[in-house]
């Protein structure tokens, strides 16, 4: 990705199954996905996007009281591929 490319302010995360937030059909812990979408916000340079992505991961971990190591920053494309609106 070009470092000068501008990205929309949508920050996506995979949360580990170990967090216990989601379960599969058999009741086993499963990974889940979340995003912070600042719709209508200014496009961000890649370096600024990456910095904000990491900062929001820390904030989300604190807010949910879940260890930071259970959160993984993922691309918007990966989120869209794995997320389903129910």
N, C-alpha and C. Protein backbone atom coordinates (compact mmCIF):
# COMPACT_ATOMS: atom_id res chain seq x y z
N UNK A 1 0.85 -1.18 0.00
CA UNK A 1 0.00 0.00 0.00
C UNK A 1 0.89 1.24 0.00
N UNK A 2 0.53 2.19 -0.79
CA UNK A 2 1.26 3.44 -0.89
C UNK A 2 1.12 4.23 0.42
N UNK A 3 2.26 4.70 0.96
CA UNK A 3 2.21 5.41 2.24
C UNK A 3 1.47 6.74 2.14
N UNK A 4 1.31 7.26 0.93
CA UNK A 4 0.57 8.51 0.73
C UNK A 4 -0.91 8.28 0.47
N UNK A 5 -1.29 6.99 0.36
CA UNK A 5 -2.69 6.68 0.13
C UNK A 5 -3.53 7.13 1.32
N UNK A 6 -4.71 7.59 1.04
CA UNK A 6 -5.63 8.04 2.10
C UNK A 6 -6.64 6.93 2.37
N UNK A 7 -6.91 6.71 3.66
CA UNK A 7 -7.84 5.66 4.08
C UNK A 7 -9.01 6.25 4.84
N UNK A 8 -10.17 5.62 4.68
CA UNK A 8 -11.32 6.08 5.44
C UNK A 8 -11.11 5.70 6.91
N UNK A 9 -11.64 6.51 7.84
CA UNK A 9 -11.42 6.25 9.27
C UNK A 9 -12.35 5.16 9.80
N UNK A 10 -12.08 3.93 9.36
CA UNK A 10 -12.82 2.74 9.80
C UNK A 10 -11.77 1.75 10.28
N UNK A 11 -11.80 1.44 11.56
CA UNK A 11 -10.75 0.64 12.20
C UNK A 11 -11.35 -0.70 12.63
N UNK A 12 -10.79 -1.77 12.09
CA UNK A 12 -11.38 -3.10 12.26
C UNK A 12 -10.45 -4.00 13.09
N UNK A 13 -11.09 -4.89 13.84
CA UNK A 13 -10.35 -5.75 14.76
C UNK A 13 -10.96 -7.15 14.79
N UNK A 14 -10.07 -8.14 14.99
CA UNK A 14 -10.49 -9.49 15.31
C UNK A 14 -10.20 -9.67 16.79
N UNK A 15 -11.18 -10.21 17.53
CA UNK A 15 -11.00 -10.48 18.96
C UNK A 15 -10.89 -11.99 19.12
N UNK A 16 -9.85 -12.44 19.78
CA UNK A 16 -9.54 -13.85 19.95
C UNK A 16 -10.69 -14.61 20.61
N UNK A 17 -10.80 -15.87 20.27
CA UNK A 17 -11.77 -16.75 20.92
C UNK A 17 -11.53 -16.80 22.42
N UNK A 18 -10.27 -16.63 22.84
CA UNK A 18 -9.93 -16.68 24.27
C UNK A 18 -10.62 -15.59 25.09
N UNK A 19 -11.12 -14.56 24.42
CA UNK A 19 -11.82 -13.48 25.14
C UNK A 19 -13.19 -13.95 25.63
N UNK A 20 -13.73 -14.99 25.01
CA UNK A 20 -15.02 -15.52 25.43
C UNK A 20 -16.21 -14.66 25.05
N UNK A 21 -16.07 -13.80 24.05
CA UNK A 21 -17.16 -12.91 23.66
C UNK A 21 -18.14 -13.53 22.67
N UNK A 22 -17.72 -14.55 21.95
CA UNK A 22 -18.57 -15.18 20.94
C UNK A 22 -18.44 -16.70 21.04
N UNK A 23 -19.46 -17.38 20.56
CA UNK A 23 -19.48 -18.84 20.63
C UNK A 23 -19.99 -19.41 19.32
N UNK A 24 -19.51 -20.60 18.99
CA UNK A 24 -19.98 -21.26 17.78
C UNK A 24 -21.27 -22.02 18.11
N UNK A 25 -21.79 -22.74 17.14
CA UNK A 25 -23.05 -23.47 17.30
C UNK A 25 -23.01 -24.55 18.36
N UNK A 26 -21.81 -24.96 18.76
CA UNK A 26 -21.66 -26.00 19.77
C UNK A 26 -21.33 -25.42 21.14
N UNK A 27 -21.31 -24.09 21.24
CA UNK A 27 -21.04 -23.45 22.53
C UNK A 27 -19.57 -23.21 22.83
N UNK A 28 -18.70 -23.52 21.87
CA UNK A 28 -17.27 -23.29 22.05
C UNK A 28 -16.95 -21.82 21.80
N UNK A 29 -15.94 -21.31 22.50
CA UNK A 29 -15.49 -19.94 22.25
C UNK A 29 -15.06 -19.81 20.79
N UNK A 30 -15.37 -18.67 20.18
CA UNK A 30 -15.04 -18.41 18.79
C UNK A 30 -14.54 -16.98 18.67
N UNK A 31 -13.71 -16.71 17.67
CA UNK A 31 -13.28 -15.31 17.46
C UNK A 31 -14.48 -14.48 16.99
N UNK A 32 -14.38 -13.19 17.21
CA UNK A 32 -15.40 -12.28 16.71
C UNK A 32 -14.72 -11.03 16.17
N UNK A 33 -15.50 -10.18 15.54
CA UNK A 33 -14.97 -9.01 14.87
C UNK A 33 -15.73 -7.78 15.34
N UNK A 34 -15.03 -6.66 15.37
CA UNK A 34 -15.66 -5.39 15.68
C UNK A 34 -14.96 -4.29 14.89
N UNK A 35 -15.61 -3.13 14.82
CA UNK A 35 -15.02 -2.00 14.13
C UNK A 35 -15.45 -0.70 14.79
N UNK A 36 -14.62 0.29 14.63
CA UNK A 36 -14.96 1.67 15.00
C UNK A 36 -15.00 2.42 13.69
N UNK A 37 -16.17 2.90 13.33
CA UNK A 37 -16.37 3.54 12.03
C UNK A 37 -16.73 5.00 12.24
N UNK A 38 -15.84 5.88 11.84
CA UNK A 38 -16.08 7.32 11.95
C UNK A 38 -16.57 7.82 10.60
N UNK A 39 -17.78 7.40 10.26
CA UNK A 39 -18.39 7.71 8.97
C UNK A 39 -18.43 9.21 8.74
N UNK A 40 -17.99 9.60 7.57
CA UNK A 40 -17.97 11.01 7.22
C UNK A 40 -16.72 11.73 7.71
N UNK A 41 -15.84 11.01 8.41
CA UNK A 41 -14.60 11.62 8.89
C UNK A 41 -13.62 11.84 7.75
N UNK A 42 -12.61 12.62 8.03
CA UNK A 42 -11.58 12.90 7.02
C UNK A 42 -10.77 11.66 6.71
N UNK A 43 -10.37 11.53 5.46
CA UNK A 43 -9.47 10.45 5.07
C UNK A 43 -8.13 10.66 5.76
N UNK A 44 -7.47 9.55 6.11
CA UNK A 44 -6.21 9.61 6.85
C UNK A 44 -5.06 9.06 6.02
N UNK A 45 -3.89 9.69 6.16
CA UNK A 45 -2.68 9.12 5.55
C UNK A 45 -2.41 7.79 6.25
N UNK A 46 -1.78 6.87 5.54
CA UNK A 46 -1.51 5.52 6.07
C UNK A 46 -0.83 5.57 7.43
N UNK A 47 0.17 6.41 7.60
CA UNK A 47 0.90 6.49 8.87
C UNK A 47 -0.03 6.95 10.00
N UNK A 48 -0.90 7.90 9.72
CA UNK A 48 -1.84 8.38 10.73
C UNK A 48 -2.91 7.32 11.01
N UNK A 49 -3.34 6.63 9.96
CA UNK A 49 -4.32 5.56 10.11
C UNK A 49 -3.76 4.46 11.02
N UNK A 50 -2.55 4.02 10.74
CA UNK A 50 -1.93 2.95 11.53
C UNK A 50 -1.79 3.34 12.99
N UNK A 51 -1.40 4.56 13.25
CA UNK A 51 -1.25 5.05 14.62
C UNK A 51 -2.60 5.05 15.34
N UNK A 52 -3.63 5.56 14.68
CA UNK A 52 -4.96 5.60 15.29
C UNK A 52 -5.51 4.20 15.49
N UNK A 53 -5.23 3.28 14.55
CA UNK A 53 -5.69 1.90 14.64
C UNK A 53 -5.15 1.25 15.92
N UNK A 54 -3.87 1.44 16.19
CA UNK A 54 -3.25 0.89 17.40
C UNK A 54 -3.79 1.56 18.67
N UNK A 55 -3.95 2.86 18.65
CA UNK A 55 -4.45 3.58 19.82
C UNK A 55 -5.87 3.14 20.16
N UNK A 56 -6.70 3.01 19.15
CA UNK A 56 -8.08 2.57 19.39
C UNK A 56 -8.13 1.14 19.91
N UNK A 57 -7.17 0.31 19.50
CA UNK A 57 -7.10 -1.07 20.01
C UNK A 57 -6.87 -1.04 21.53
N UNK A 58 -6.00 -0.18 21.97
CA UNK A 58 -5.72 -0.04 23.41
C UNK A 58 -6.96 0.46 24.13
N UNK A 59 -7.60 1.47 23.58
CA UNK A 59 -8.81 2.03 24.19
C UNK A 59 -9.93 0.99 24.26
N UNK A 60 -10.11 0.22 23.19
CA UNK A 60 -11.15 -0.80 23.16
C UNK A 60 -10.87 -1.89 24.19
N UNK A 61 -9.62 -2.28 24.31
CA UNK A 61 -9.23 -3.27 25.30
C UNK A 61 -9.57 -2.81 26.71
N UNK A 62 -9.27 -1.56 27.01
CA UNK A 62 -9.57 -1.00 28.33
C UNK A 62 -11.08 -0.92 28.56
N UNK A 63 -11.79 -0.44 27.55
CA UNK A 63 -13.24 -0.26 27.67
C UNK A 63 -13.94 -1.59 27.92
N UNK A 64 -13.51 -2.64 27.24
CA UNK A 64 -14.14 -3.95 27.38
C UNK A 64 -13.52 -4.79 28.50
N UNK A 65 -12.44 -4.26 29.10
CA UNK A 65 -11.72 -4.97 30.16
C UNK A 65 -11.27 -6.36 29.71
N UNK A 66 -10.68 -6.38 28.52
CA UNK A 66 -10.16 -7.60 27.91
C UNK A 66 -8.69 -7.36 27.58
N UNK A 67 -7.82 -8.33 27.88
CA UNK A 67 -6.38 -8.14 27.60
C UNK A 67 -6.11 -7.73 26.15
N UNK A 68 -5.21 -6.80 26.01
CA UNK A 68 -4.88 -6.26 24.69
C UNK A 68 -4.40 -7.33 23.71
N UNK A 69 -3.77 -8.38 24.23
CA UNK A 69 -3.26 -9.42 23.34
C UNK A 69 -4.37 -10.20 22.65
N UNK A 70 -5.61 -10.03 23.08
CA UNK A 70 -6.75 -10.70 22.43
C UNK A 70 -7.24 -9.92 21.21
N UNK A 71 -6.72 -8.72 21.00
CA UNK A 71 -7.15 -7.88 19.89
C UNK A 71 -6.10 -7.88 18.79
N UNK A 72 -6.57 -7.96 17.56
CA UNK A 72 -5.68 -7.90 16.40
C UNK A 72 -6.25 -6.87 15.42
N UNK A 73 -5.42 -5.93 15.02
CA UNK A 73 -5.81 -4.98 13.98
C UNK A 73 -5.88 -5.74 12.66
N UNK A 74 -7.00 -5.59 11.95
CA UNK A 74 -7.14 -6.22 10.65
C UNK A 74 -7.56 -5.16 9.63
N UNK A 75 -7.43 -5.51 8.37
CA UNK A 75 -7.81 -4.57 7.30
C UNK A 75 -9.33 -4.48 7.19
N UNK A 76 -9.78 -3.42 6.57
CA UNK A 76 -11.20 -3.24 6.31
C UNK A 76 -11.71 -4.37 5.42
N UNK A 77 -10.89 -4.78 4.46
CA UNK A 77 -11.27 -5.86 3.55
C UNK A 77 -11.44 -7.18 4.30
N UNK A 78 -10.55 -7.47 5.24
CA UNK A 78 -10.67 -8.71 6.01
C UNK A 78 -11.92 -8.67 6.89
N UNK A 79 -12.20 -7.52 7.49
CA UNK A 79 -13.41 -7.39 8.30
C UNK A 79 -14.64 -7.66 7.44
N UNK A 80 -14.71 -7.00 6.29
CA UNK A 80 -15.87 -7.16 5.41
C UNK A 80 -16.04 -8.60 4.96
N UNK A 81 -14.94 -9.30 4.73
CA UNK A 81 -14.97 -10.69 4.29
C UNK A 81 -15.50 -11.61 5.40
N UNK A 82 -15.21 -11.29 6.65
CA UNK A 82 -15.54 -12.17 7.77
C UNK A 82 -16.76 -11.76 8.57
N UNK A 83 -17.25 -10.56 8.36
CA UNK A 83 -18.35 -10.05 9.18
C UNK A 83 -19.67 -10.20 8.44
N UNK A 84 -20.67 -10.60 9.18
CA UNK A 84 -22.01 -10.71 8.62
C UNK A 84 -22.96 -9.94 9.51
N UNK A 85 -23.81 -9.12 8.92
CA UNK A 85 -24.86 -8.46 9.69
C UNK A 85 -25.99 -9.46 9.87
N UNK A 86 -26.36 -9.68 11.11
CA UNK A 86 -27.46 -10.62 11.39
C UNK A 86 -28.75 -9.87 11.61
